[in-house]
Amino acid sequence: MSPLPVVLAGARGHGRWHVANIRRLERAGLVRLAGICELTPLTEQEAGGRLPEQSADFGALLDSTGARVAVVCTPIPTHTDLALTAARRGVHLLLEKPPAPSYAEFRRMADGVAGTGVACQVGFQSLGSHAVPAIRELVAEGAIGEVVGVGGAGAWVRDEAYFRRAPWAGRRRMDGADVIDGALTNPLAHAVATALALGGTTRAEDVTGIETELSHANDIEADDTSCVRIGTARGHRVTVAATLCAQRAAEPYVLLHGGSGRITFWYKQDRILLQRGGHGPEEYQYGRTDLLENLVDHLTTGAALLVPPDETGAFMRVVEAIRTAPDPDPLPAAAWHRVPGESRRVVPGVDGLVAAAADTLSLYSELGAPWAPRTEHALNEVGAR
């Protein structure tokens, strides 16, 4: 079959990864980079090869290139309108995470796209890991007994320049529009989405309640040190703790707690550790299916999509709870310090708190963090569909 023409919207920042990935699939004969939508045109070096057609008008570019697929990697508040622009033209979508800044915008996008009949894949790359079905199979076989809870931990390092990478960086809202660029909703969104998915809580109606603790050490609106605990229809809790102010960067992971064992999944590495009674620790390494490649496979062979929009509904319930919570609390000056020569802020002890939250399914306040903000509860405030 002829390579599918692809248009990429947003080719700088994280979009550079998509440029490289599209070029990889181009070399494999699966796609053709037909167009790039950017406010400032890319150079040939930035485009990784021959320059395709470029335009700042996304709709016009889709029309002129005859695109079959659009990859949308633009600022969060633009996702819904751009997705609908593509869908109304019959162009299939890979939409970067988070798919929208609010549950209402998510529903507008998901329902609008579904109404056109086009395929849409949401860019939670961790859910393309072959470890995900392997873990589900281990759970189904009873390897760790009944799942009693799921933890997620993300202790990352980001300097102050990270929050100046774009006008919307670190913002909760901008020019009257929701942005919600916090630790749990953007950089460590994979920890939340993966923890929910492994616990069998993917759709909006699977969520029964949400507690949030949101704070920031950096001079931003959004959260950079936060945790969330989610009640589920399955009866267990999902607790995810995150910070961008760790002492040292660590691999993020999801931890499944079972009645007779546990599974740790380092989702960026596609690696799991199985620990259970009567056995020594067992470690496994897996491959990964690229989500754009899976979308192409879906369009050409009918393969099932790995991350369709409604399978991210539970994640969007978390985004909505964070959006509607009071603005994150600024941490007192005594709770953080700058690292000399690195222009970044560290919250002493937060690395251990992140790990402890995933291990015990507790919130920061319950772990005794003196700076922890008050817990905010959101119980079924968003209509599930």
Protein backbone atom coordinates (compact mmCIF):
# COMPACT_ATOMS: atom_id res chain seq x y z
CA MET A 1 0.00 0.00 0.00
CA SER A 2 1.08 3.58 -0.58
CA PRO A 3 2.51 5.38 2.44
CA LEU A 4 -0.16 7.38 4.30
CA PRO A 5 0.34 11.17 4.03
CA VAL A 6 0.78 12.68 7.51
CA VAL A 7 0.59 16.29 8.66
CA LEU A 8 2.25 17.25 11.94
CA ALA A 9 0.88 20.19 13.91
CA GLY A 10 3.50 21.39 16.39
CA ALA A 11 6.98 20.33 15.34
CA ARG A 12 9.12 22.06 17.95
CA GLY A 13 9.54 21.24 21.63
CA HIS A 14 8.16 17.74 22.15
CA GLY A 15 7.13 17.88 18.49
CA ARG A 16 10.76 17.19 17.57
CA TRP A 17 10.23 13.64 18.82
CA HIS A 18 7.27 13.28 16.45
CA VAL A 19 9.33 14.59 13.53
CA ALA A 20 11.93 11.88 14.17
CA ASN A 21 9.29 9.20 14.64
CA ILE A 22 7.43 10.11 11.45
CA ARG A 23 10.74 10.05 9.56
CA ARG A 24 11.42 6.57 11.02
CA LEU A 25 8.07 5.30 9.77
CA GLU A 26 8.68 7.08 6.47
CA ARG A 27 11.88 5.07 5.98
CA ALA A 28 9.85 1.93 6.68
CA GLY A 29 7.43 2.88 3.89
CA LEU A 30 4.41 3.28 6.19
CA VAL A 31 3.85 7.04 6.07
CA ARG A 32 4.96 10.16 4.22
CA LEU A 33 5.53 13.49 5.95
CA ALA A 34 3.26 15.60 3.76
CA GLY A 35 3.06 18.79 5.81
CA ILE A 36 4.10 20.65 8.93
CA CYS A 37 1.90 23.21 10.65
CA GLU A 38 3.96 25.75 12.61
CA LEU A 39 3.75 29.49 13.14
CA THR A 40 7.38 29.77 12.02
CA PRO A 41 8.42 27.39 9.21
CA LEU A 42 11.00 24.70 10.00
CA THR A 43 14.41 24.56 8.39
CA GLU A 44 15.47 21.45 6.50
CA GLN A 45 17.66 20.46 9.43
CA GLU A 46 14.74 20.77 11.87
CA ALA A 47 12.53 18.76 9.53
CA GLY A 48 15.05 15.93 9.42
CA GLY A 49 15.18 15.82 5.64
CA ARG A 50 13.40 17.21 2.61
CA LEU A 51 11.06 20.00 3.60
CA PRO A 52 7.38 19.13 3.17
CA GLU A 53 4.67 21.71 2.56
CA GLN A 54 4.40 24.12 5.50
CA SER A 55 1.66 26.46 6.67
CA ALA A 56 0.34 28.09 9.83
CA ASP A 57 -3.22 27.27 8.66
CA PHE A 58 -3.89 23.73 9.83
CA GLY A 59 -7.15 23.20 7.93
CA ALA A 60 -5.77 24.57 4.68
CA LEU A 61 -2.68 22.37 5.03
CA LEU A 62 -4.80 19.26 5.53
CA ASP A 63 -6.76 20.13 2.39
CA SER A 64 -3.76 20.92 0.18
CA THR A 65 -1.73 17.85 1.21
CA GLY A 66 -4.55 15.33 1.09
CA ALA A 67 -3.53 14.15 4.55
CA ARG A 68 -4.94 10.88 5.85
CA VAL A 69 -3.45 11.27 9.33
CA ALA A 70 -2.74 14.30 11.53
CA VAL A 71 -0.46 14.31 14.56
CA VAL A 72 -1.42 17.11 16.96
CA CYS A 73 1.35 18.17 19.35
CA THR A 74 0.37 21.76 20.13
CA PRO A 75 -0.41 23.71 23.33
CA ILE A 76 -3.01 21.91 25.46
CA PRO A 77 -5.84 24.45 25.01
CA THR A 78 -5.69 24.02 21.21
CA HIS A 79 -6.15 20.24 21.16
CA THR A 80 -9.93 20.08 20.88
CA ASP A 81 -10.36 22.60 18.06
CA LEU A 82 -7.49 21.16 16.02
CA ALA A 83 -8.73 17.60 16.50
CA LEU A 84 -12.19 18.61 15.30
CA THR A 85 -10.70 20.51 12.36
CA ALA A 86 -9.02 17.30 11.24
CA ALA A 87 -11.96 15.01 12.01
CA ARG A 88 -14.43 17.10 10.00
CA ARG A 89 -12.16 16.59 6.99
CA GLY A 90 -12.04 12.84 7.50
CA VAL A 91 -8.43 12.96 8.72
CA HIS A 92 -7.49 10.39 11.38
CA LEU A 93 -5.71 11.54 14.52
CA LEU A 94 -2.86 10.96 16.91
CA LEU A 95 -3.59 13.51 19.65
CA GLU A 96 -0.90 14.26 22.24
CA LYS A 97 -1.66 13.90 25.92
CA PRO A 98 -3.37 15.37 27.81
CA PRO A 99 -6.15 15.23 25.21
CA ALA A 100 -7.88 18.31 26.63
CA PRO A 101 -7.59 20.75 29.56
CA SER A 102 -11.07 20.01 30.96
CA TYR A 103 -13.62 17.23 30.94
CA ALA A 104 -16.09 19.36 28.98
CA GLU A 105 -13.49 20.00 26.25
CA PHE A 106 -12.58 16.32 26.27
CA ARG A 107 -16.21 15.33 25.70
CA ARG A 108 -16.56 17.93 22.95
CA MET A 109 -13.50 16.47 21.26
CA ALA A 110 -14.30 12.78 21.79
CA ASP A 111 -17.96 13.07 20.83
CA GLY A 112 -17.19 15.28 17.85
CA VAL A 113 -14.50 12.96 16.56
CA ALA A 114 -16.69 9.88 17.07
CA GLY A 115 -19.49 11.56 15.14
CA THR A 116 -17.27 11.85 12.07
CA GLY A 117 -16.22 8.21 12.12
CA VAL A 118 -12.49 8.93 12.04
CA ALA A 119 -10.03 7.07 14.24
CA CYS A 120 -8.35 8.86 17.12
CA GLN A 121 -5.44 7.69 19.24
CA VAL A 122 -4.39 9.56 22.40
CA GLY A 123 -0.63 9.79 22.86
CA PHE A 124 -0.07 7.89 26.10
CA GLN A 125 2.96 6.03 24.73
CA SER A 126 3.35 3.95 27.92
CA LEU A 127 0.09 2.15 27.06
CA GLY A 128 1.77 0.82 23.92
CA SER A 129 4.19 -1.14 26.10
CA HIS A 130 3.93 -4.90 25.73
CA ALA A 131 4.36 -5.00 29.50
CA VAL A 132 0.77 -3.75 29.91
CA PRO A 133 -0.97 -6.87 28.53
CA ALA A 134 1.66 -9.04 30.23
CA ILE A 135 0.84 -7.48 33.61
CA ARG A 136 -2.89 -7.89 32.99
CA GLU A 137 -2.29 -11.56 32.21
CA LEU A 138 -0.26 -12.03 35.40
CA VAL A 139 -3.07 -10.43 37.40
CA ALA A 140 -5.71 -12.57 35.68
CA GLU A 141 -3.68 -15.69 36.48
CA GLY A 142 -3.67 -14.70 40.16
CA ALA A 143 0.11 -14.17 40.33
CA ILE A 144 -0.27 -11.51 43.06
CA GLY A 145 -3.75 -12.37 44.29
CA GLU A 146 -6.55 -9.83 44.16
CA VAL A 147 -5.44 -6.27 43.34
CA VAL A 148 -6.03 -4.18 46.46
CA GLY A 149 -4.54 -0.90 45.23
CA VAL A 150 -2.31 0.78 42.69
CA GLY A 151 0.42 3.34 43.36
CA GLY A 152 2.29 5.60 41.00
CA ALA A 153 5.52 7.51 41.63
CA GLY A 154 7.24 10.19 39.62
CA ALA A 155 10.23 12.03 41.08
CA TRP A 156 11.66 14.24 38.37
CA VAL A 157 14.06 17.17 38.12
CA ARG A 158 13.17 20.28 36.13
CA ASP A 159 15.06 23.57 36.22
CA GLU A 160 13.38 26.96 36.37
CA ALA A 161 13.83 27.42 32.61
CA TYR A 162 11.46 24.49 32.06
CA PHE A 163 8.62 26.65 33.28
CA ARG A 164 9.56 29.33 30.75
CA ARG A 165 9.69 26.95 27.78
CA ALA A 166 6.42 28.33 26.41
CA PRO A 167 3.94 31.07 27.38
CA TRP A 168 1.51 28.43 28.69
CA ALA A 169 4.10 26.46 30.70
CA GLY A 170 3.25 26.10 34.37
CA ARG A 171 -0.10 27.84 33.88
CA ARG A 172 -3.54 26.77 35.05
CA ARG A 173 -5.31 29.16 32.73
CA MET A 174 -4.27 31.70 30.14
CA ASP A 175 -6.29 34.44 28.42
CA GLY A 176 -9.44 33.00 29.96
CA ALA A 177 -8.81 29.45 28.72
CA ASP A 178 -7.92 26.41 30.81
CA VAL A 179 -4.36 25.11 30.44
CA ILE A 180 -3.77 22.91 33.53
CA ASP A 181 -0.07 22.31 32.89
CA GLY A 182 0.68 20.64 36.21
CA ALA A 183 2.95 17.75 37.16
CA LEU A 184 0.16 15.17 37.22
CA THR A 185 -1.65 16.37 34.11
CA ASN A 186 1.26 16.85 31.72
CA PRO A 187 4.90 15.77 32.40
CA LEU A 188 3.89 12.88 34.67
CA ALA A 189 0.48 12.27 33.15
CA HIS A 190 1.71 8.85 32.02
CA ALA A 191 2.04 7.78 35.66
CA VAL A 192 -1.62 8.62 36.27
CA ALA A 193 -2.95 7.09 33.04
CA THR A 194 -0.84 3.94 33.41
CA ALA A 195 -1.80 3.40 37.04
CA LEU A 196 -5.47 3.75 36.15
CA ALA A 197 -5.17 1.42 33.16
CA LEU A 198 -3.36 -1.34 35.04
CA GLY A 199 -6.01 -1.20 37.75
CA GLY A 200 -8.78 -1.61 35.19
CA THR A 201 -10.01 1.96 35.61
CA THR A 202 -9.94 3.59 32.19
CA ARG A 203 -13.40 4.98 31.47
CA ALA A 204 -14.97 8.01 33.12
CA GLU A 205 -17.66 5.95 34.83
CA ASP A 206 -15.00 3.79 36.52
CA VAL A 207 -14.05 6.68 38.84
CA THR A 208 -16.04 7.10 42.08
CA GLY A 209 -14.09 9.84 43.85
CA ILE A 210 -10.91 11.90 43.75
CA GLU A 211 -8.77 13.55 46.43
CA THR A 212 -6.05 16.03 45.48
CA GLU A 213 -3.14 17.73 47.22
CA LEU A 214 -1.58 20.34 44.95
CA SER A 215 1.38 22.60 45.66
CA HIS A 216 4.34 24.25 43.98
CA ALA A 217 7.84 25.28 44.95
CA ASN A 218 8.50 27.09 41.68
CA ASP A 219 7.05 30.49 40.88
CA ILE A 220 4.19 29.14 38.75
CA GLU A 221 0.39 28.87 38.87
CA ALA A 222 0.15 25.11 38.45
CA ASP A 223 1.41 22.30 40.67
CA ASP A 224 4.93 20.90 40.59
CA THR A 225 4.64 18.76 43.73
CA SER A 226 1.31 17.01 44.05
CA CYS A 227 -0.56 13.79 44.70
CA VAL A 228 -3.97 12.38 43.90
CA ARG A 229 -5.99 9.45 45.24
CA ILE A 230 -8.73 8.00 43.10
CA GLY A 231 -11.60 5.80 44.24
CA THR A 232 -12.64 3.20 41.68
CA ALA A 233 -15.71 1.16 40.83
CA ARG A 234 -13.56 -1.94 41.38
CA GLY A 235 -13.26 -0.99 45.03
CA HIS A 236 -9.52 -0.30 45.26
CA ARG A 237 -7.65 3.00 45.42
CA VAL A 238 -5.18 4.47 42.99
CA THR A 239 -2.67 6.91 44.49
CA VAL A 240 -0.16 8.77 42.33
CA ALA A 241 2.47 11.14 43.72
CA ALA A 242 4.62 13.40 41.58
CA THR A 243 7.21 16.13 41.86
CA LEU A 244 9.40 18.11 39.51
CA CYS A 245 11.51 19.20 42.50
CA ALA A 246 13.26 15.94 43.40
CA GLN A 247 16.74 15.83 44.84
CA ARG A 248 17.74 13.54 41.96
CA ALA A 249 15.83 12.25 38.94
CA ALA A 250 14.40 8.73 39.18
CA GLU A 251 12.60 6.44 36.76
CA PRO A 252 8.83 6.81 37.25
CA TYR A 253 6.90 3.64 37.99
CA VAL A 254 3.53 2.11 38.76
CA LEU A 255 3.13 -0.36 41.62
CA LEU A 256 0.31 -2.93 41.71
CA HIS A 257 -0.44 -4.13 45.23
CA GLY A 258 -1.95 -7.61 45.42
CA GLY A 259 -3.11 -9.75 48.30
CA SER A 260 -0.12 -12.05 47.85
CA GLY A 261 2.45 -10.03 45.93
CA ARG A 262 3.21 -6.94 43.92
CA ILE A 263 4.27 -5.87 40.44
CA THR A 264 6.45 -2.82 39.77
CA PHE A 265 6.33 -1.41 36.25
CA TRP A 266 8.96 1.13 35.15
CA TYR A 267 6.87 2.34 32.25
CA LYS A 268 9.52 4.33 30.37
CA GLN A 269 11.79 1.28 30.36
CA ASP A 270 9.09 -1.35 29.61
CA ARG A 271 10.44 -3.31 32.57
CA ILE A 272 8.59 -5.10 35.37
CA LEU A 273 9.50 -6.74 38.66
CA LEU A 274 7.23 -9.46 40.01
CA GLN A 275 7.46 -10.20 43.73
CA ARG A 276 5.24 -12.87 45.28
CA GLY A 277 5.19 -15.33 48.10
CA GLY A 278 7.09 -18.56 47.60
CA HIS A 279 9.13 -17.21 44.67
CA GLY A 280 12.25 -15.17 44.23
CA PRO A 281 11.96 -11.80 42.47
CA GLU A 282 11.32 -12.14 38.74
CA GLU A 283 12.27 -9.36 36.33
CA TYR A 284 11.07 -9.08 32.73
CA GLN A 285 11.83 -6.75 29.83
CA TYR A 286 9.33 -6.06 27.03
CA GLY A 287 9.06 -4.30 23.72
CA ARG A 288 6.67 -1.53 22.73
CA THR A 289 4.29 -0.71 19.90
CA ASP A 290 4.53 2.86 18.68
CA LEU A 291 1.12 4.56 18.80
CA LEU A 292 1.39 6.18 15.38
CA GLU A 293 2.41 2.83 13.93
CA ASN A 294 -0.59 1.25 15.68
CA LEU A 295 -2.87 3.92 14.18
CA VAL A 296 -1.51 3.19 10.70
CA ASP A 297 -2.00 -0.53 11.35
CA HIS A 298 -5.58 0.17 12.43
CA LEU A 299 -6.27 2.05 9.21
CA THR A 300 -4.65 -0.51 6.93
CA THR A 301 -5.38 -3.86 8.59
CA GLY A 302 -8.13 -3.16 11.12
CA ALA A 303 -5.93 -3.71 14.18
CA ALA A 304 -7.48 -2.45 17.41
CA LEU A 305 -6.43 0.99 18.59
CA LEU A 306 -4.40 0.88 21.78
CA VAL A 307 -5.55 4.21 23.28
CA PRO A 308 -8.90 5.44 21.89
CA PRO A 309 -10.31 8.57 23.59
CA ASP A 310 -12.92 6.91 25.80
CA GLU A 311 -10.20 4.71 27.31
CA THR A 312 -8.71 7.93 28.72
CA GLY A 313 -11.96 9.10 30.31
CA ALA A 314 -10.83 8.18 33.83
CA PHE A 315 -7.64 10.16 33.36
CA MET A 316 -9.72 13.14 32.25
CA ARG A 317 -11.79 12.85 35.42
CA VAL A 318 -8.52 13.39 37.30
CA VAL A 319 -7.67 16.39 35.10
CA GLU A 320 -11.10 17.84 35.88
CA ALA A 321 -10.66 17.33 39.63
CA ILE A 322 -7.31 19.15 39.45
CA ARG A 323 -8.81 21.89 37.28
CA THR A 324 -11.67 22.56 39.69
CA ALA A 325 -9.58 22.28 42.88
CA PRO A 326 -8.41 25.49 44.54
CA ASP A 327 -5.21 26.86 43.04
CA PRO A 328 -2.14 24.96 44.27
CA ASP A 329 -0.56 26.20 47.47
CA PRO A 330 2.87 27.84 47.20
CA LEU A 331 5.26 25.99 49.46
CA PRO A 332 6.79 28.12 52.21
CA ALA A 333 10.34 29.28 51.59
CA ALA A 334 11.58 26.95 54.34
CA ALA A 335 10.25 23.92 52.44
CA TRP A 336 12.56 24.23 49.41
CA HIS A 337 15.96 25.50 48.35
CA ARG A 338 17.80 26.27 45.14
CA VAL A 339 20.58 23.97 43.94
CA PRO A 340 23.73 26.08 43.45
CA GLY A 341 24.69 26.39 39.81
CA GLU A 342 21.65 24.46 38.53
CA SER A 343 18.83 27.05 38.69
CA ARG A 344 16.36 24.53 40.07
CA ARG A 345 14.37 24.15 43.23
CA VAL A 346 14.42 21.07 45.46
CA VAL A 347 11.94 20.08 48.15
CA PRO A 348 14.04 18.16 50.70
CA GLY A 349 12.62 14.73 51.48
CA VAL A 350 10.12 14.70 48.62
CA ASP A 351 11.88 11.82 46.83
CA GLY A 352 11.10 9.56 49.79
CA LEU A 353 7.56 10.89 50.12
CA VAL A 354 6.80 10.12 46.48
CA ALA A 355 7.98 6.53 46.94
CA ALA A 356 6.13 6.17 50.24
CA ALA A 357 2.88 7.41 48.70
CA ALA A 358 3.05 4.74 45.98
CA ASP A 359 4.00 2.11 48.57
CA THR A 360 1.27 2.90 51.10
CA LEU A 361 -1.38 4.55 48.87
CA SER A 362 -1.23 7.54 51.21
CA LEU A 363 -1.35 11.27 50.48
CA TYR A 364 1.49 13.62 51.41
CA SER A 365 -0.48 14.98 54.38
CA GLU A 366 -1.01 11.46 55.73
CA LEU A 367 2.73 10.81 55.45
CA GLY A 368 3.48 13.77 57.69
CA ALA A 369 4.78 16.27 55.13
CA PRO A 370 4.72 19.53 57.09
CA TRP A 371 4.08 21.57 53.94
CA ALA A 372 1.27 19.39 52.56
CA PRO A 373 -1.81 21.41 51.58
CA ARG A 374 -5.31 20.52 52.68
CA THR A 375 -6.92 17.62 50.85
CA GLU A 376 -9.61 18.51 48.33
CA HIS A 377 -12.31 15.97 47.55
CA ALA A 378 -14.22 15.59 44.29
CA LEU A 379 -16.90 12.92 44.34
CA ASN A 380 -18.74 12.21 41.11
CA GLU A 381 -18.98 15.88 40.22
CA VAL A 382 -18.52 15.22 36.52
CA GLY A 383 -21.29 13.32 34.77
CA ALA A 384 -19.88 10.00 33.57
CA ARG A 385 -20.67 8.82 30.07
